Structures are given as C-alpha cells and as structure tokens.
Amino acid sequence: MHGKVLSIEIRDSKANNRKIYSIGLTDNNSSIKCIYFGREDERTIMDPLTEEELSSDRVIEIKEKRVAKGD
C-alpha cells in the first residue's frame, strides 16, 4: 500500500494514561482515518521532537532512527 499522511492529531486520553493518535491517510483514490491508542510513556514516530532533540547537532540522525524504529 502506498499513500500519504493527510493529518496527525495527538490527544491525551481522559482515562488510562494513554495518548490517542488520529491519522488521516489517502492514496488519492480514497481516504481513511486510523486511531492508535498508545501508552503515555511510549514515544512514537508521530510525537514531535523534544527541545533537547531539536537543539542537538544530530537532529537528522534522531529523526531517521525514529522512522526506522517505527517502520
């Protein structure tokens, strides 16, 4: 399957210390919305980089590592 991400929304769940990830996907033919429930302490490829990561000289390396882990 090939397509592109239309949107990513990350919210905190009201219960269970979870994050709710809503991801809009399309293949330019049709679109779907996926929902992923992650643990609050779990980092995913969809989470923004931290201030520490952004100020690092290795931003590209950090991003590539997170993509490889999430693939």
PDB file of N, CA and C in Angstrom:
ATOM      1  N   MET A   1       0.829  -1.155   0.000  1.00  0.00           N
ATOM      2  CA  MET A   1       0.000   0.000   0.000  1.00  0.00           C
ATOM      3  C   MET A   1       0.892   1.242   0.000  1.00  0.00           C
ATOM      4  N   HIS A   2       0.543   2.198  -0.836  1.00  0.00           N
ATOM      5  CA  HIS A   2       1.267   3.465  -0.898  1.00  0.00           C
ATOM      6  C   HIS A   2       0.270   4.597  -0.764  1.00  0.00           C
ATOM      7  N   GLY A   3       0.662   5.641  -0.102  1.00  0.00           N
ATOM      8  CA  GLY A   3      -0.212   6.786   0.080  1.00  0.00           C
ATOM      9  C   GLY A   3       0.518   7.868   0.836  1.00  0.00           C
ATOM     10  N   LYS A   4      -0.258   8.800   1.343  1.00  0.00           N
ATOM     11  CA  LYS A   4       0.362   9.863   2.128  1.00  0.00           C
ATOM     12  C   LYS A   4      -0.492  10.197   3.336  1.00  0.00           C
ATOM     13  N   VAL A   5       0.168  10.786   4.308  1.00  0.00           N
ATOM     14  CA  VAL A   5      -0.492  11.185   5.546  1.00  0.00           C
ATOM     15  C   VAL A   5      -1.118  12.556   5.321  1.00  0.00           C
ATOM     16  N   LEU A   6      -2.406  12.651   5.585  1.00  0.00           N
ATOM     17  CA  LEU A   6      -3.111  13.924   5.457  1.00  0.00           C
ATOM     18  C   LEU A   6      -3.053  14.734   6.747  1.00  0.00           C
ATOM     19  N   SER A   7      -3.177  14.036   7.875  1.00  0.00           N
ATOM     20  CA  SER A   7      -3.201  14.741   9.157  1.00  0.00           C
ATOM     21  C   SER A   7      -2.793  13.805  10.282  1.00  0.00           C
ATOM     22  N   ILE A   8      -2.265  14.401  11.332  1.00  0.00           N
ATOM     23  CA  ILE A   8      -1.950  13.676  12.560  1.00  0.00           C
ATOM     24  C   ILE A   8      -2.427  14.544  13.720  1.00  0.00           C
ATOM     25  N   GLU A   9      -3.220  13.955  14.586  1.00  0.00           N
ATOM     26  CA  GLU A   9      -3.688  14.650  15.777  1.00  0.00           C
ATOM     27  C   GLU A   9      -3.351  13.774  16.981  1.00  0.00           C
ATOM     28  N   ILE A  10      -2.737  14.372  17.991  1.00  0.00           N
ATOM     29  CA  ILE A  10      -2.362  13.640  19.202  1.00  0.00           C
ATOM     30  C   ILE A  10      -3.089  14.274  20.383  1.00  0.00           C
ATOM     31  N   ARG A  11      -3.837  13.446  21.114  1.00  0.00           N
ATOM     32  CA  ARG A  11      -4.571  13.928  22.293  1.00  0.00           C
ATOM     33  C   ARG A  11      -4.276  13.018  23.471  1.00  0.00           C
ATOM     34  N   ASP A  12      -4.422  13.564  24.655  1.00  0.00           N
ATOM     35  CA  ASP A  12      -4.325  12.743  25.863  1.00  0.00           C
ATOM     36  C   ASP A  12      -5.698  12.144  26.145  1.00  0.00           C
ATOM     37  N   SER A  13      -5.709  10.875  26.494  1.00  0.00           N
ATOM     38  CA  SER A  13      -6.954  10.196  26.848  1.00  0.00           C
ATOM     39  C   SER A  13      -7.418  10.670  28.218  1.00  0.00           C
ATOM     40  N   LYS A  14      -8.714  10.664  28.425  1.00  0.00           N
ATOM     41  CA  LYS A  14      -9.248  11.061  29.726  1.00  0.00           C
ATOM     42  C   LYS A  14      -9.050   9.968  30.773  1.00  0.00           C
ATOM     43  N   ALA A  15      -8.773   8.772  30.339  1.00  0.00           N
ATOM     44  CA  ALA A  15      -8.590   7.642  31.262  1.00  0.00           C
ATOM     45  C   ALA A  15      -7.351   6.843  30.846  1.00  0.00           C
ATOM     46  N   ASN A  16      -6.827   6.092  31.757  1.00  0.00           N
ATOM     47  CA  ASN A  16      -5.776   5.093  31.492  1.00  0.00           C
ATOM     48  C   ASN A  16      -4.408   5.649  31.114  1.00  0.00           C
ATOM     49  N   ASN A  17      -4.154   6.926  31.307  1.00  0.00           N
ATOM     50  CA  ASN A  17      -2.843   7.496  30.961  1.00  0.00           C
ATOM     51  C   ASN A  17      -2.381   7.083  29.569  1.00  0.00           C
ATOM     52  N   ARG A  18      -3.219   7.293  28.601  1.00  0.00           N
ATOM     53  CA  ARG A  18      -2.927   6.925  27.214  1.00  0.00           C
ATOM     54  C   ARG A  18      -2.930   8.156  26.318  1.00  0.00           C
ATOM     55  N   LYS A  19      -2.285   8.026  25.173  1.00  0.00           N
ATOM     56  CA  LYS A  19      -2.350   9.034  24.122  1.00  0.00           C
ATOM     57  C   LYS A  19      -3.211   8.455  23.003  1.00  0.00           C
ATOM     58  N   ILE A  20      -3.974   9.309  22.352  1.00  0.00           N
ATOM     59  CA  ILE A  20      -4.798   8.897  21.223  1.00  0.00           C
ATOM     60  C   ILE A  20      -4.240   9.576  19.977  1.00  0.00           C
ATOM     61  N   TYR A  21      -3.813   8.773  19.022  1.00  0.00           N
ATOM     62  CA  TYR A  21      -3.279   9.276  17.762  1.00  0.00           C
ATOM     63  C   TYR A  21      -4.335   9.062  16.685  1.00  0.00           C
ATOM     64  N   SER A  22      -4.761  10.141  16.031  1.00  0.00           N
ATOM     65  CA  SER A  22      -5.694  10.055  14.899  1.00  0.00           C
ATOM     66  C   SER A  22      -4.912  10.423  13.654  1.00  0.00           C
ATOM     67  N   ILE A  23      -4.859   9.506  12.694  1.00  0.00           N
ATOM     68  CA  ILE A  23      -4.057   9.693  11.491  1.00  0.00           C
ATOM     69  C   ILE A  23      -4.949   9.593  10.268  1.00  0.00           C
ATOM     70  N   GLY A  24      -4.975  10.644   9.468  1.00  0.00           N
ATOM     71  CA  GLY A  24      -5.713  10.634   8.210  1.00  0.00           C
ATOM     72  C   GLY A  24      -4.792  10.206   7.084  1.00  0.00           C
ATOM     73  N   LEU A  25      -5.199   9.208   6.289  1.00  0.00           N
ATOM     74  CA  LEU A  25      -4.378   8.658   5.203  1.00  0.00           C
ATOM     75  C   LEU A  25      -5.154   8.679   3.889  1.00  0.00           C
ATOM     76  N   THR A  26      -4.426   8.852   2.780  1.00  0.00           N
ATOM     77  CA  THR A  26      -5.058   8.786   1.468  1.00  0.00           C
ATOM     78  C   THR A  26      -4.110   8.159   0.458  1.00  0.00           C
ATOM     79  N   ASP A  27      -4.699   7.544  -0.570  1.00  0.00           N
ATOM     80  CA  ASP A  27      -3.925   7.066  -1.718  1.00  0.00           C
ATOM     81  C   ASP A  27      -4.381   7.818  -2.968  1.00  0.00           C
ATOM     82  N   ASN A  28      -5.046   8.949  -2.765  1.00  0.00           N
ATOM     83  CA  ASN A  28      -5.619   9.798  -3.809  1.00  0.00           C
ATOM     84  C   ASN A  28      -6.772   9.133  -4.542  1.00  0.00           C
ATOM     85  N   ASN A  29      -7.205   7.993  -4.057  1.00  0.00           N
ATOM     86  CA  ASN A  29      -8.386   7.305  -4.560  1.00  0.00           C
ATOM     87  C   ASN A  29      -9.469   7.317  -3.501  1.00  0.00           C
ATOM     88  N   SER A  30      -9.043   7.011  -2.291  1.00  0.00           N
ATOM     89  CA  SER A  30      -9.934   7.048  -1.136  1.00  0.00           C
ATOM     90  C   SER A  30      -9.098   7.400   0.090  1.00  0.00           C
ATOM     91  N   SER A  31      -9.789   7.731   1.170  1.00  0.00           N
ATOM     92  CA  SER A  31      -9.108   8.136   2.399  1.00  0.00           C
ATOM     93  C   SER A  31      -9.695   7.392   3.586  1.00  0.00           C
ATOM     94  N   ILE A  32      -8.852   7.201   4.603  1.00  0.00           N
ATOM     95  CA  ILE A  32      -9.305   6.579   5.843  1.00  0.00           C
ATOM     96  C   ILE A  32      -8.711   7.331   7.028  1.00  0.00           C
ATOM     97  N   LYS A  33      -9.302   7.154   8.183  1.00  0.00           N
ATOM     98  CA  LYS A  33      -8.767   7.701   9.416  1.00  0.00           C
ATOM     99  C   LYS A  33      -8.452   6.523  10.341  1.00  0.00           C
ATOM    100  N   CYS A  34      -7.233   6.475  10.813  1.00  0.00           N
ATOM    101  CA  CYS A  34      -6.798   5.411  11.725  1.00  0.00           C
ATOM    102  C   CYS A  34      -6.657   6.001  13.120  1.00  0.00           C
ATOM    103  N   ILE A  35      -6.961   5.200  14.119  1.00  0.00           N
ATOM    104  CA  ILE A  35      -6.814   5.619  15.507  1.00  0.00           C
ATOM    105  C   ILE A  35      -5.886   4.618  16.196  1.00  0.00           C
ATOM    106  N   TYR A  36      -4.890   5.148  16.882  1.00  0.00           N
ATOM    107  CA  TYR A  36      -3.940   4.317  17.612  1.00  0.00           C
ATOM    108  C   TYR A  36      -3.928   4.783  19.065  1.00  0.00           C
ATOM    109  N   PHE A  37      -4.053   3.847  19.993  1.00  0.00           N
ATOM    110  CA  PHE A  37      -4.003   4.146  21.418  1.00  0.00           C
ATOM    111  C   PHE A  37      -2.640   3.729  21.943  1.00  0.00           C
ATOM    112  N   GLY A  38      -1.841   4.710  22.330  1.00  0.00           N
ATOM    113  CA  GLY A  38      -0.506   4.421  22.827  1.00  0.00           C
ATOM    114  C   GLY A  38      -0.384   4.733  24.302  1.00  0.00           C
ATOM    115  N   ARG A  39       0.625   4.150  24.927  1.00  0.00           N
ATOM    116  CA  ARG A  39       0.898   4.446  26.329  1.00  0.00           C
ATOM    117  C   ARG A  39       1.494   5.849  26.431  1.00  0.00           C
ATOM    118  N   GLU A  40       1.213   6.514  27.529  1.00  0.00           N
ATOM    119  CA  GLU A  40       1.695   7.881  27.708  1.00  0.00           C
ATOM    120  C   GLU A  40       3.221   7.949  27.732  1.00  0.00           C
ATOM    121  N   ASP A  41       3.869   6.916  28.265  1.00  0.00           N
ATOM    122  CA  ASP A  41       5.328   6.905  28.360  1.00  0.00           C
ATOM    123  C   ASP A  41       6.003   6.370  27.095  1.00  0.00           C
ATOM    124  N   GLU A  42       5.237   6.020  26.090  1.00  0.00           N
ATOM    125  CA  GLU A  42       5.759   5.448  24.852  1.00  0.00           C
ATOM    126  C   GLU A  42       5.945   6.552  23.807  1.00  0.00           C
ATOM    127  N   ARG A  43       7.136   6.634  23.224  1.00  0.00           N
ATOM    128  CA  ARG A  43       7.388   7.608  22.156  1.00  0.00           C
ATOM    129  C   ARG A  43       7.128   6.918  20.826  1.00  0.00           C
ATOM    130  N   THR A  44       6.505   7.632  19.922  1.00  0.00           N
ATOM    131  CA  THR A  44       6.263   7.100  18.580  1.00  0.00           C
ATOM    132  C   THR A  44       6.844   8.042  17.547  1.00  0.00           C
ATOM    133  N   ILE A  45       6.862   7.610  16.326  1.00  0.00           N
ATOM    134  CA  ILE A  45       7.350   8.432  15.225  1.00  0.00           C
ATOM    135  C   ILE A  45       6.489   9.681  15.051  1.00  0.00           C
ATOM    136  N   MET A  46       5.255   9.628  15.520  1.00  0.00           N
ATOM    137  CA  MET A  46       4.330  10.749  15.345  1.00  0.00           C
ATOM    138  C   MET A  46       4.512  11.839  16.390  1.00  0.00           C
ATOM    139  N   ASP A  47       5.205  11.544  17.480  1.00  0.00           N
ATOM    140  CA  ASP A  47       5.419  12.549  18.521  1.00  0.00           C
ATOM    141  C   ASP A  47       6.419  13.594  18.030  1.00  0.00           C
ATOM    142  N   PRO A  48       6.178  14.857  18.371  1.00  0.00           N
ATOM    143  CA  PRO A  48       7.143  15.897  17.983  1.00  0.00           C
ATOM    144  C   PRO A  48       8.473  15.697  18.709  1.00  0.00           C
ATOM    145  N   LEU A  49       9.537  16.216  18.127  1.00  0.00           N
ATOM    146  CA  LEU A  49      10.845  16.145  18.770  1.00  0.00           C
ATOM    147  C   LEU A  49      10.851  17.025  20.010  1.00  0.00           C
ATOM    148  N   THR A  50      11.600  16.605  21.017  1.00  0.00           N
ATOM    149  CA  THR A  50      11.718  17.399  22.245  1.00  0.00           C
ATOM    150  C   THR A  50      12.641  18.587  21.992  1.00  0.00           C
ATOM    151  N   GLU A  51      12.621  19.554  22.900  1.00  0.00           N
ATOM    152  CA  GLU A  51      13.514  20.718  22.789  1.00  0.00           C
ATOM    153  C   GLU A  51      14.979  20.269  22.743  1.00  0.00           C
ATOM    154  N   GLU A  52      15.292  19.272  23.564  1.00  0.00           N
ATOM    155  CA  GLU A  52      16.666  18.753  23.605  1.00  0.00           C
ATOM    156  C   GLU A  52      17.053  18.152  22.254  1.00  0.00           C
ATOM    157  N   GLU A  53      16.155  17.384  21.662  1.00  0.00           N
ATOM    158  CA  GLU A  53      16.432  16.780  20.357  1.00  0.00           C
ATOM    159  C   GLU A  53      16.567  17.848  19.269  1.00  0.00           C
ATOM    160  N   LEU A  54      15.716  18.876  19.315  1.00  0.00           N
ATOM    161  CA  LEU A  54      15.770  19.943  18.317  1.00  0.00           C
ATOM    162  C   LEU A  54      17.062  20.749  18.399  1.00  0.00           C
ATOM    163  N   SER A  55      17.604  20.914  19.604  1.00  0.00           N
ATOM    164  CA  SER A  55      18.831  21.702  19.776  1.00  0.00           C
ATOM    165  C   SER A  55      20.084  20.873  19.523  1.00  0.00           C
ATOM    166  N   SER A  56      19.912  19.583  19.318  1.00  0.00           N
ATOM    167  CA  SER A  56      21.048  18.694  19.091  1.00  0.00           C
ATOM    168  C   SER A  56      21.609  18.878  17.683  1.00  0.00           C
ATOM    169  N   ASP A  57      22.904  18.613  17.539  1.00  0.00           N
ATOM    170  CA  ASP A  57      23.542  18.644  16.219  1.00  0.00           C
ATOM    171  C   ASP A  57      23.147  17.421  15.394  1.00  0.00           C
ATOM    172  N   ARG A  58      22.471  16.462  16.019  1.00  0.00           N
ATOM    173  CA  ARG A  58      22.150  15.196  15.365  1.00  0.00           C
ATOM    174  C   ARG A  58      20.655  15.070  15.049  1.00  0.00           C
ATOM    175  N   VAL A  59      19.962  16.175  14.754  1.00  0.00           N
ATOM    176  CA  VAL A  59      18.517  16.147  14.519  1.00  0.00           C
ATOM    177  C   VAL A  59      18.152  15.171  13.404  1.00  0.00           C
ATOM    178  N   ILE A  60      18.873  15.213  12.305  1.00  0.00           N
ATOM    179  CA  ILE A  60      18.574  14.328  11.166  1.00  0.00           C
ATOM    180  C   ILE A  60      18.743  12.870  11.576  1.00  0.00           C
ATOM    181  N   GLU A  61      19.825  12.574  12.286  1.00  0.00           N
ATOM    182  CA  GLU A  61      20.085  11.205  12.745  1.00  0.00           C
ATOM    183  C   GLU A  61      18.975  10.730  13.693  1.00  0.00           C
ATOM    184  N   ILE A  62      18.531  11.590  14.586  1.00  0.00           N
ATOM    185  CA  ILE A  62      17.466  11.242  15.534  1.00  0.00           C
ATOM    186  C   ILE A  62      16.177  10.945  14.781  1.00  0.00           C
ATOM    187  N   LYS A  63      15.834  11.793  13.801  1.00  0.00           N
ATOM    188  CA  LYS A  63      14.619  11.580  13.003  1.00  0.00           C
ATOM    189  C   LYS A  63      14.695  10.253  12.244  1.00  0.00           C
ATOM    190  N   GLU A  64      15.839   9.984  11.610  1.00  0.00           N
ATOM    191  CA  GLU A  64      15.994   8.750  10.837  1.00  0.00           C
ATOM    192  C   GLU A  64      15.882   7.520  11.738  1.00  0.00           C
ATOM    193  N   LYS A  65      16.433   7.599  12.932  1.00  0.00           N
ATOM    194  CA  LYS A  65      16.369   6.483  13.875  1.00  0.00           C
ATOM    195  C   LYS A  65      14.922   6.219  14.288  1.00  0.00           C
ATOM    196  N   ARG A  66      14.149   7.280  14.528  1.00  0.00           N
ATOM    197  CA  ARG A  66      12.748   7.123  14.924  1.00  0.00           C
ATOM    198  C   ARG A  66      11.923   6.555  13.772  1.00  0.00           C
ATOM    199  N   VAL A  67      12.216   6.955  12.542  1.00  0.00           N
ATOM    200  CA  VAL A  67      11.494   6.417  11.385  1.00  0.00           C
ATOM    201  C   VAL A  67      11.814   4.950  11.218  1.00  0.00           C
ATOM    202  N   ALA A  68      13.076   4.566  11.328  1.00  0.00           N
ATOM    203  CA  ALA A  68      13.477   3.178  11.171  1.00  0.00           C
ATOM    204  C   ALA A  68      12.818   2.306  12.247  1.00  0.00           C
ATOM    205  N   LYS A  69      12.719   2.828  13.474  1.00  0.00           N
ATOM    206  CA  LYS A  69      12.102   2.066  14.560  1.00  0.00           C
ATOM    207  C   LYS A  69      10.612   1.904  14.315  1.00  0.00           C
ATOM    208  N   GLY A  70       9.975   2.929  13.747  1.00  0.00           N
ATOM    209  CA  GLY A  70       8.531   2.872  13.523  1.00  0.00           C
ATOM    210  C   GLY A  70       8.112   2.133  12.279  1.00  0.00           C
ATOM    211  N   ASP A  71       9.050   1.841  11.382  1.00  0.00           N
ATOM    212  CA  ASP A  71       8.705   1.177  10.117  1.00  0.00           C
ATOM    213  C   ASP A  71       8.287  -0.242  10.282  1.00  0.00           C
TER     214      ASP A  71
END
